[in-house]
Amino acid sequence: MVVGDRAVPLVVRVNPRARRVALKVDAAAGRVVLVIPHKRDEKAARRFLHSRTDWLHAALERLPPAIALTDGASVPLGGVPHTVRHCPDARRGVWLEDGEIRVSGQAEHLPRRLRDWLKGQARAAITARVAVHAEALGVTPGRITVKDTRSRWGSCAASGALSFSWRLVMAPDWVLDYVTAHEVAHLRELNHSPAFWRHVETLAPGLRGPARDWLRDHGAALHRVG
């Protein structure tokens, strides 16, 4: 669809659990998502969509700029911007030096190499913090996975398996620390009861509000990287 002077991908999703037509902007993909309860609602939903053009235009204008993983891009690591520097003649893979993330090899391989490296950094940082919090709480986590999730920064399954967004590695360390503490606390309380929040506060004192505020304000920008 066209909104203002830009072409924007439109995705129509049928969700029987939806009570009404819902319209949202997927910040990570830069697309518009129209959720409808039933396929028969699509025509009415599209009329609703076109009646909301002004709202969509404003929402798209507020999206953080997309950051391609290319030479010269600024990519945050631990909340600190780092310049991506392509070093084609080096034989070191990906490494940090002088405030830069340096990537060797051919230019066409840079995005994949950098993304894989960021995921590896995320796995190492998340696994380390989970271990610290699990020891403090006296629990044993299950498998830890790192994915490119959009709806949640972390989750805990009933089996004890933990899952996290690799993009947390780009957030400040204390934000990553809070998310890992939150999910480890679920190993004791698989709910959001007062007892659960007491565990979170023990593991990450004073971080609940600031971390959630930071992710609300800056999370979309992390999803626009790469």
Protein backbone atom coordinates (compact mmCIF):
# COMPACT_ATOMS: atom_id res chain seq x y z
CA MET A 1 0.00 0.00 0.00
CA VAL A 2 1.03 3.64 -0.40
CA VAL A 3 1.09 5.92 2.64
CA GLY A 4 1.98 9.51 1.83
CA ASP A 5 4.82 9.23 -0.66
CA ARG A 6 6.12 5.83 0.43
CA ALA A 7 5.25 2.28 -0.53
CA VAL A 8 4.77 0.13 2.56
CA PRO A 9 4.27 -3.64 2.66
CA LEU A 10 0.84 -4.66 3.98
CA VAL A 11 0.24 -7.96 5.75
CA VAL A 12 -3.30 -9.16 6.48
CA ARG A 13 -3.51 -11.72 9.28
CA VAL A 14 -6.57 -13.72 10.25
CA ASN A 15 -6.73 -14.29 14.00
CA PRO A 16 -9.93 -15.98 15.25
CA ARG A 17 -9.12 -14.83 18.78
CA ALA A 18 -9.19 -11.18 17.76
CA ARG A 19 -12.34 -9.39 18.93
CA ARG A 20 -12.08 -6.60 16.41
CA VAL A 21 -10.03 -5.33 13.49
CA ALA A 22 -6.61 -4.17 14.65
CA LEU A 23 -4.08 -2.06 12.83
CA LYS A 24 -0.42 -1.73 13.79
CA VAL A 25 2.98 -0.86 12.40
CA ASP A 26 5.63 -3.56 12.58
CA ALA A 27 8.68 -1.45 13.42
CA ALA A 28 11.16 -4.26 12.82
CA ALA A 29 10.00 -4.97 9.27
CA GLY A 30 8.76 -1.47 8.43
CA ARG A 31 5.38 -2.82 7.38
CA VAL A 32 1.70 -2.38 8.18
CA VAL A 33 -0.15 -5.30 9.77
CA LEU A 34 -3.93 -5.59 9.57
CA VAL A 35 -5.40 -8.20 11.93
CA ILE A 36 -8.93 -9.43 11.28
CA PRO A 37 -11.06 -11.96 13.20
CA HIS A 38 -12.30 -13.72 10.04
CA LYS A 39 -11.57 -13.72 6.31
CA ARG A 40 -15.05 -12.34 5.66
CA ASP A 41 -14.05 -9.16 7.53
CA GLU A 42 -11.34 -8.25 5.02
CA LYS A 43 -13.32 -5.83 2.85
CA ALA A 44 -14.60 -3.86 5.84
CA ALA A 45 -11.13 -3.97 7.36
CA ARG A 46 -9.57 -2.47 4.25
CA ARG A 47 -12.06 0.39 4.38
CA PHE A 48 -11.04 0.91 7.99
CA LEU A 49 -7.40 0.80 6.94
CA HIS A 50 -7.83 3.57 4.38
CA SER A 51 -9.72 5.69 6.89
CA ARG A 52 -6.61 5.56 9.10
CA THR A 53 -4.13 6.81 6.51
CA ASP A 54 -3.22 9.94 8.49
CA TRP A 55 -2.55 7.87 11.62
CA LEU A 56 -0.42 5.43 9.62
CA HIS A 57 1.58 8.24 8.05
CA ALA A 58 2.36 9.71 11.47
CA ALA A 59 3.26 6.30 12.90
CA LEU A 60 5.61 5.51 10.00
CA GLU A 61 7.26 8.92 10.30
CA ARG A 62 8.05 8.14 13.95
CA LEU A 63 9.88 4.92 13.09
CA PRO A 64 13.61 5.02 13.83
CA PRO A 65 15.74 4.88 10.68
CA ALA A 66 16.72 1.43 9.45
CA ILE A 67 20.42 0.69 9.90
CA ALA A 68 21.96 -1.60 7.30
CA LEU A 69 24.91 -3.70 8.41
CA THR A 70 27.44 -2.08 6.09
CA ASP A 71 30.82 -0.39 6.28
CA GLY A 72 30.51 2.90 8.17
CA ALA A 73 27.23 2.04 9.90
CA SER A 74 26.84 2.88 13.59
CA VAL A 75 25.72 -0.17 15.57
CA PRO A 76 25.24 -0.09 19.36
CA LEU A 77 26.92 -2.68 21.53
CA GLY A 78 26.08 -2.61 25.22
CA GLY A 79 24.29 0.67 24.52
CA VAL A 80 27.45 2.29 23.12
CA PRO A 81 27.57 3.19 19.40
CA HIS A 82 30.31 1.43 17.46
CA THR A 83 31.29 2.16 13.86
CA VAL A 84 31.36 -0.84 11.55
CA ARG A 85 34.65 -0.92 9.68
CA HIS A 86 35.28 -3.28 6.76
CA CYS A 87 38.85 -4.62 6.72
CA PRO A 88 38.92 -6.81 3.60
CA ASP A 89 42.58 -7.80 3.83
CA ALA A 90 42.51 -8.88 7.47
CA ARG A 91 42.12 -12.50 8.52
CA ARG A 92 40.52 -12.02 11.92
CA GLY A 93 36.81 -12.52 11.33
CA VAL A 94 35.04 -9.91 13.47
CA TRP A 95 36.66 -8.09 16.38
CA LEU A 96 36.52 -4.92 18.49
CA GLU A 97 39.24 -2.32 18.20
CA ASP A 98 39.38 1.41 19.01
CA GLY A 99 35.60 1.72 19.39
CA GLU A 100 34.96 0.01 16.08
CA ILE A 101 33.52 -3.35 15.09
CA ARG A 102 35.93 -4.54 12.43
CA VAL A 103 34.92 -7.16 9.90
CA SER A 104 37.28 -8.96 7.55
CA GLY A 105 36.51 -10.82 4.34
CA GLN A 106 34.53 -9.90 1.26
CA ALA A 107 32.06 -7.01 1.41
CA GLU A 108 29.07 -9.14 0.40
CA HIS A 109 29.66 -11.36 3.43
CA LEU A 110 29.86 -8.49 5.92
CA PRO A 111 26.16 -8.36 6.95
CA ARG A 112 25.99 -12.10 7.65
CA ARG A 113 29.34 -12.18 9.45
CA LEU A 114 28.43 -9.21 11.62
CA ARG A 115 24.98 -10.54 12.44
CA ASP A 116 26.43 -13.93 13.40
CA TRP A 117 29.03 -12.21 15.57
CA LEU A 118 26.42 -10.09 17.32
CA LYS A 119 24.35 -13.21 18.02
CA GLY A 120 27.43 -14.90 19.46
CA GLN A 121 28.14 -11.91 21.68
CA ALA A 122 24.51 -11.95 22.80
CA ARG A 123 24.61 -15.66 23.63
CA ALA A 124 27.79 -15.24 25.69
CA ALA A 125 26.49 -12.21 27.62
CA ILE A 126 23.03 -13.68 28.23
CA THR A 127 24.36 -17.08 29.29
CA ALA A 128 26.74 -15.45 31.76
CA ARG A 129 24.03 -13.33 33.39
CA VAL A 130 21.57 -16.22 33.52
CA ALA A 131 24.20 -18.28 35.36
CA VAL A 132 24.75 -15.51 37.92
CA HIS A 133 21.04 -15.00 38.56
CA ALA A 134 20.29 -18.74 38.65
CA GLU A 135 22.97 -19.31 41.26
CA ALA A 136 21.67 -16.42 43.36
CA LEU A 137 18.13 -17.81 43.24
CA GLY A 138 19.13 -21.45 43.61
CA VAL A 139 17.50 -22.62 40.39
CA THR A 140 18.69 -24.56 37.35
CA PRO A 141 17.73 -23.16 33.94
CA GLY A 142 16.99 -25.42 31.00
CA ARG A 143 18.15 -24.82 27.48
CA ILE A 144 18.99 -21.23 26.59
CA THR A 145 18.19 -20.10 23.05
CA VAL A 146 18.89 -16.79 21.35
CA LYS A 147 16.51 -15.79 18.56
CA ASP A 148 15.40 -12.77 16.56
CA THR A 149 12.07 -12.40 18.35
CA ARG A 150 9.87 -9.35 17.80
CA SER A 151 7.12 -9.57 20.39
CA ARG A 152 9.18 -10.50 23.47
CA TRP A 153 12.65 -9.75 24.71
CA GLY A 154 12.69 -12.95 26.74
CA SER A 155 10.50 -15.88 27.72
CA CYS A 156 10.50 -18.84 30.07
CA ALA A 157 8.79 -22.14 29.25
CA ALA A 158 7.23 -24.46 31.80
CA SER A 159 10.12 -26.85 31.08
CA GLY A 160 12.60 -24.26 32.35
CA ALA A 161 13.90 -23.44 28.86
CA LEU A 162 14.76 -19.77 28.42
CA SER A 163 14.65 -17.78 25.19
CA PHE A 164 15.96 -14.28 24.51
CA SER A 165 16.25 -11.79 21.65
CA TRP A 166 19.81 -11.49 20.43
CA ARG A 167 19.19 -7.76 19.98
CA LEU A 168 19.50 -7.31 23.75
CA VAL A 169 23.26 -7.26 23.24
CA MET A 170 22.84 -3.84 21.63
CA ALA A 171 21.02 -2.46 24.69
CA PRO A 172 22.87 -1.16 27.77
CA ASP A 173 24.26 -3.95 29.93
CA TRP A 174 21.87 -3.17 32.77
CA VAL A 175 18.88 -3.64 30.46
CA LEU A 176 20.14 -7.07 29.40
CA ASP A 177 20.76 -7.84 33.07
CA TYR A 178 17.17 -6.98 33.98
CA VAL A 179 15.65 -9.12 31.20
CA THR A 180 17.75 -12.14 32.18
CA ALA A 181 16.84 -11.62 35.86
CA HIS A 182 13.14 -11.41 34.91
CA GLU A 183 13.22 -14.72 33.06
CA VAL A 184 15.31 -16.51 35.69
CA ALA A 185 12.79 -15.39 38.34
CA HIS A 186 10.14 -17.26 36.34
CA LEU A 187 12.00 -20.47 37.17
CA ARG A 188 10.67 -19.95 40.69
CA GLU A 189 7.34 -18.33 39.85
CA LEU A 190 5.88 -18.94 36.39
CA ASN A 191 3.56 -15.96 36.81
CA HIS A 192 3.68 -12.27 37.70
CA SER A 193 2.64 -12.60 41.34
CA PRO A 194 4.03 -10.43 44.15
CA ALA A 195 6.39 -13.30 44.98
CA PHE A 196 7.73 -13.22 41.43
CA TRP A 197 8.41 -9.49 41.54
CA ARG A 198 10.21 -9.91 44.88
CA HIS A 199 12.58 -12.35 43.19
CA VAL A 200 13.15 -9.92 40.33
CA GLU A 201 13.91 -7.11 42.76
CA THR A 202 16.38 -9.33 44.62
CA LEU A 203 18.22 -10.19 41.41
CA ALA A 204 18.08 -6.77 39.72
CA PRO A 205 17.30 -4.16 42.38
CA GLY A 206 15.80 -0.95 41.08
CA LEU A 207 15.94 -1.93 37.40
CA ARG A 208 12.34 -2.93 36.69
CA GLY A 209 10.98 0.51 35.83
CA PRO A 210 14.08 1.96 34.13
CA ALA A 211 14.69 -1.14 32.00
CA ARG A 212 11.09 -1.39 30.86
CA ASP A 213 11.06 2.33 30.06
CA TRP A 214 14.30 2.01 28.08
CA LEU A 215 12.97 -0.87 25.99
CA ARG A 216 9.69 0.97 25.39
CA ASP A 217 11.53 4.06 24.19
CA HIS A 218 14.42 2.45 22.29
CA GLY A 219 13.40 -1.13 21.53
CA ALA A 220 12.07 -0.26 18.07
CA ALA A 221 15.46 1.18 17.12
CA LEU A 222 17.16 -2.12 18.03
CA HIS A 223 14.73 -3.97 15.76
CA ARG A 224 15.63 -1.63 12.89
CA VAL A 225 19.30 -2.66 12.96
CA GLY A 226 20.15 -5.04 10.14
